[in-house]
Amino acid sequence: MILKLKRTTFGIFLLMLLMASTISCSKKAITHTNGWPESFGSKSLKIITNVDALGRSFQPLHAESPNGPRYHTLNGNPKNSASFTLFRYSKNYTGSGNLHNHTYGYHLWLVEGQMKHWKEGGSEKTASLLNPGSYLYQPADEFHAANCLTKQCTAYILFDGPIETGFPE
């Protein structure tokens, strides 16, 4: 339990460092004078415990796909700027395993469940297993796929710009 708590605390610390220093890692990142999107607003302390994060309400990312990925915006506006969000995926969610890309890169920190994430040319079978505390950076424009292997997966995701999704032709 103590090891899990230390890992979670370290994870939250690392995530905050990422937020503060790498919002513009994507090759198409939005630039801001202070490193934070203006929409992030207040610089006052904000604390979100895992219990609070996991208990939030989530809305479908795509209205036409209610069984697909769902999200909850914590900061920013995912429709038109960089954002910090919680994403929730169900086991074998609609769209899982399908190659897609995003105009902007993102940082993902898994906090619940187990999932796999792989690049074009890879497969779910050969992808690394991600457990709570796992982190990944998905570069802009790179085709990839993912799947939640447990009842549900929840992750903090920091997008470098608006959430825009494309599919191979």
Protein backbone atom coordinates (compact mmCIF):
# COMPACT_ATOMS: atom_id res chain seq x y z
CA MET A 1 0.00 0.00 0.00
CA ILE A 2 2.79 2.44 0.89
CA LEU A 3 4.63 1.60 -2.33
CA LYS A 4 1.42 2.16 -4.31
CA LEU A 5 0.89 5.51 -2.56
CA LYS A 6 4.50 6.59 -3.24
CA ARG A 7 4.12 5.58 -6.89
CA THR A 8 0.85 7.51 -7.17
CA THR A 9 2.35 10.58 -5.49
CA PHE A 10 5.38 10.42 -7.77
CA GLY A 11 3.07 9.99 -10.74
CA ILE A 12 1.04 13.06 -9.86
CA PHE A 13 4.25 15.05 -9.36
CA LEU A 14 5.58 13.90 -12.74
CA LEU A 15 2.28 14.71 -14.43
CA MET A 16 2.34 18.23 -12.99
CA LEU A 17 5.91 18.68 -14.24
CA LEU A 18 4.80 17.57 -17.68
CA MET A 19 1.92 20.00 -17.62
CA ALA A 20 4.18 22.86 -16.59
CA SER A 21 6.99 22.21 -19.01
CA THR A 22 5.84 20.28 -22.06
CA ILE A 23 2.50 21.64 -23.22
CA SER A 24 4.20 22.52 -26.52
CA CYS A 25 6.05 19.26 -27.24
CA SER A 26 4.02 18.48 -30.34
CA LYS A 27 5.42 19.61 -33.66
CA LYS A 28 2.10 21.40 -34.13
CA ALA A 29 1.80 22.67 -30.58
CA ILE A 30 0.07 25.90 -29.76
CA THR A 31 2.52 28.44 -28.37
CA HIS A 32 1.72 30.64 -25.41
CA THR A 33 3.79 33.31 -23.75
CA ASN A 34 3.83 31.66 -20.32
CA GLY A 35 3.79 27.99 -21.42
CA TRP A 36 0.14 27.53 -20.40
CA PRO A 37 -2.89 27.93 -22.63
CA GLU A 38 -4.73 31.10 -21.74
CA SER A 39 -7.84 28.98 -21.18
CA PHE A 40 -6.15 27.28 -18.21
CA GLY A 41 -6.94 30.49 -16.33
CA SER A 42 -6.14 30.67 -12.64
CA LYS A 43 -2.72 29.70 -11.36
CA SER A 44 -4.14 28.85 -7.95
CA LEU A 45 -3.62 25.40 -6.46
CA LYS A 46 -5.96 22.73 -7.81
CA ILE A 47 -6.07 19.28 -6.22
CA ILE A 48 -7.90 16.33 -7.72
CA THR A 49 -7.67 13.08 -5.77
CA ASN A 50 -8.02 9.75 -7.56
CA VAL A 51 -11.34 9.18 -5.79
CA ASP A 52 -12.58 12.55 -7.09
CA ALA A 53 -11.20 11.90 -10.59
CA LEU A 54 -12.74 8.43 -10.88
CA GLY A 55 -16.12 9.68 -9.60
CA ARG A 56 -16.56 12.43 -12.20
CA SER A 57 -19.18 12.31 -14.94
CA PHE A 58 -17.95 11.64 -18.48
CA GLN A 59 -19.48 12.51 -21.85
CA PRO A 60 -18.94 10.71 -25.17
CA LEU A 61 -16.06 12.08 -27.22
CA HIS A 62 -18.20 11.54 -30.33
CA ALA A 63 -21.98 11.85 -29.85
CA GLU A 64 -22.60 9.26 -32.58
CA SER A 65 -20.50 6.73 -30.64
CA PRO A 66 -21.80 6.63 -27.02
CA ASN A 67 -19.89 3.39 -26.33
CA GLY A 68 -16.62 4.90 -27.50
CA PRO A 69 -14.14 6.95 -25.46
CA ARG A 70 -15.69 9.33 -22.91
CA TYR A 71 -14.07 12.39 -21.36
CA HIS A 72 -14.31 15.00 -18.64
CA THR A 73 -12.56 18.34 -19.15
CA LEU A 74 -10.50 19.48 -16.18
CA ASN A 75 -8.96 22.54 -17.85
CA GLY A 76 -8.86 24.16 -21.26
CA ASN A 77 -11.23 23.49 -24.13
CA PRO A 78 -10.65 20.27 -26.09
CA LYS A 79 -12.70 21.57 -29.03
CA ASN A 80 -10.45 24.53 -29.81
CA SER A 81 -7.28 24.57 -27.69
CA ALA A 82 -4.92 22.57 -25.53
CA SER A 83 -6.68 20.83 -22.66
CA PHE A 84 -6.22 18.67 -19.61
CA THR A 85 -8.84 15.93 -19.49
CA LEU A 86 -9.83 12.65 -17.91
CA PHE A 87 -10.64 9.93 -20.44
CA ARG A 88 -12.56 6.76 -19.72
CA TYR A 89 -12.66 3.70 -21.96
CA SER A 90 -14.74 0.54 -21.53
CA LYS A 91 -13.37 -2.91 -22.27
CA ASN A 92 -13.28 -3.37 -26.06
CA TYR A 93 -14.92 0.07 -26.48
CA THR A 94 -16.32 1.13 -29.86
CA GLY A 95 -13.34 2.08 -31.98
CA SER A 96 -10.82 0.10 -29.95
CA GLY A 97 -8.08 -1.39 -32.04
CA ASN A 98 -8.83 0.94 -34.98
CA LEU A 99 -5.92 2.92 -36.37
CA HIS A 100 -6.38 6.67 -36.08
CA ASN A 101 -4.30 9.80 -35.56
CA HIS A 102 -4.62 13.24 -33.99
CA THR A 103 -3.57 16.64 -35.33
CA TYR A 104 -1.87 17.35 -31.99
CA GLY A 105 0.12 15.09 -29.70
CA TYR A 106 -0.90 14.09 -26.21
CA HIS A 107 0.47 12.84 -22.89
CA LEU A 108 -1.47 9.98 -21.26
CA TRP A 109 -1.13 8.90 -17.63
CA LEU A 110 -3.19 5.76 -16.83
CA VAL A 111 -4.80 5.80 -13.38
CA GLU A 112 -7.26 2.89 -13.60
CA GLY A 113 -7.42 -0.39 -15.51
CA GLN A 114 -5.06 -2.04 -17.97
CA MET A 115 -4.69 -1.11 -21.61
CA LYS A 116 -2.51 -1.57 -24.65
CA HIS A 117 -1.45 1.15 -27.09
CA TRP A 118 0.47 0.52 -30.32
CA LYS A 119 1.75 2.30 -33.41
CA GLU A 120 0.87 1.58 -37.02
CA GLY A 121 2.54 -1.69 -38.01
CA GLY A 122 2.29 -3.01 -34.44
CA SER A 123 -0.48 -5.05 -32.88
CA GLU A 124 -2.35 -5.46 -29.63
CA LYS A 125 -0.69 -8.84 -29.20
CA THR A 126 2.84 -7.35 -29.23
CA ALA A 127 2.06 -4.03 -27.49
CA SER A 128 3.32 -3.37 -23.96
CA LEU A 129 0.78 -3.79 -21.17
CA LEU A 130 0.01 -0.47 -19.48
CA ASN A 131 -0.95 -0.58 -15.80
CA PRO A 132 -2.00 2.28 -13.50
CA GLY A 133 0.92 4.70 -13.28
CA SER A 134 2.02 4.05 -16.88
CA TYR A 135 2.74 7.09 -19.05
CA LEU A 136 2.95 7.51 -22.80
CA TYR A 137 3.41 10.37 -25.24
CA GLN A 138 1.59 10.02 -28.56
CA PRO A 139 3.12 12.32 -31.23
CA ALA A 140 0.90 14.31 -33.59
CA ASP A 141 -0.10 12.78 -36.93
CA GLU A 142 1.17 9.28 -36.03
CA PHE A 143 -1.33 6.49 -36.60
CA HIS A 144 -1.92 4.36 -33.52
CA ALA A 145 -4.55 2.20 -31.82
CA ALA A 146 -5.46 1.28 -28.25
CA ASN A 147 -7.69 -1.06 -26.29
CA CYS A 148 -8.84 -1.25 -22.68
CA LEU A 149 -8.40 -4.80 -21.36
CA THR A 150 -10.31 -4.41 -18.08
CA LYS A 151 -13.90 -3.40 -17.26
CA GLN A 152 -12.84 0.23 -17.62
CA CYS A 153 -9.70 2.32 -18.00
CA THR A 154 -9.32 5.92 -16.88
CA ALA A 155 -6.44 8.22 -17.78
CA TYR A 156 -5.39 11.82 -17.38
CA ILE A 157 -4.62 13.16 -20.86
CA LEU A 158 -2.92 16.44 -21.66
CA PHE A 159 -3.57 17.40 -25.29
CA ASP A 160 -1.18 19.80 -27.03
CA GLY A 161 -4.09 21.27 -29.03
CA PRO A 162 -7.71 20.57 -29.94
CA ILE A 163 -8.79 16.93 -30.05
CA GLU A 164 -9.01 16.26 -33.78
CA THR A 165 -9.10 12.65 -34.98
CA GLY A 166 -8.36 11.26 -38.44
CA PHE A 167 -8.47 7.76 -39.93
CA PRO A 168 -6.45 6.06 -42.67
CA GLU A 169 -7.96 6.30 -46.14
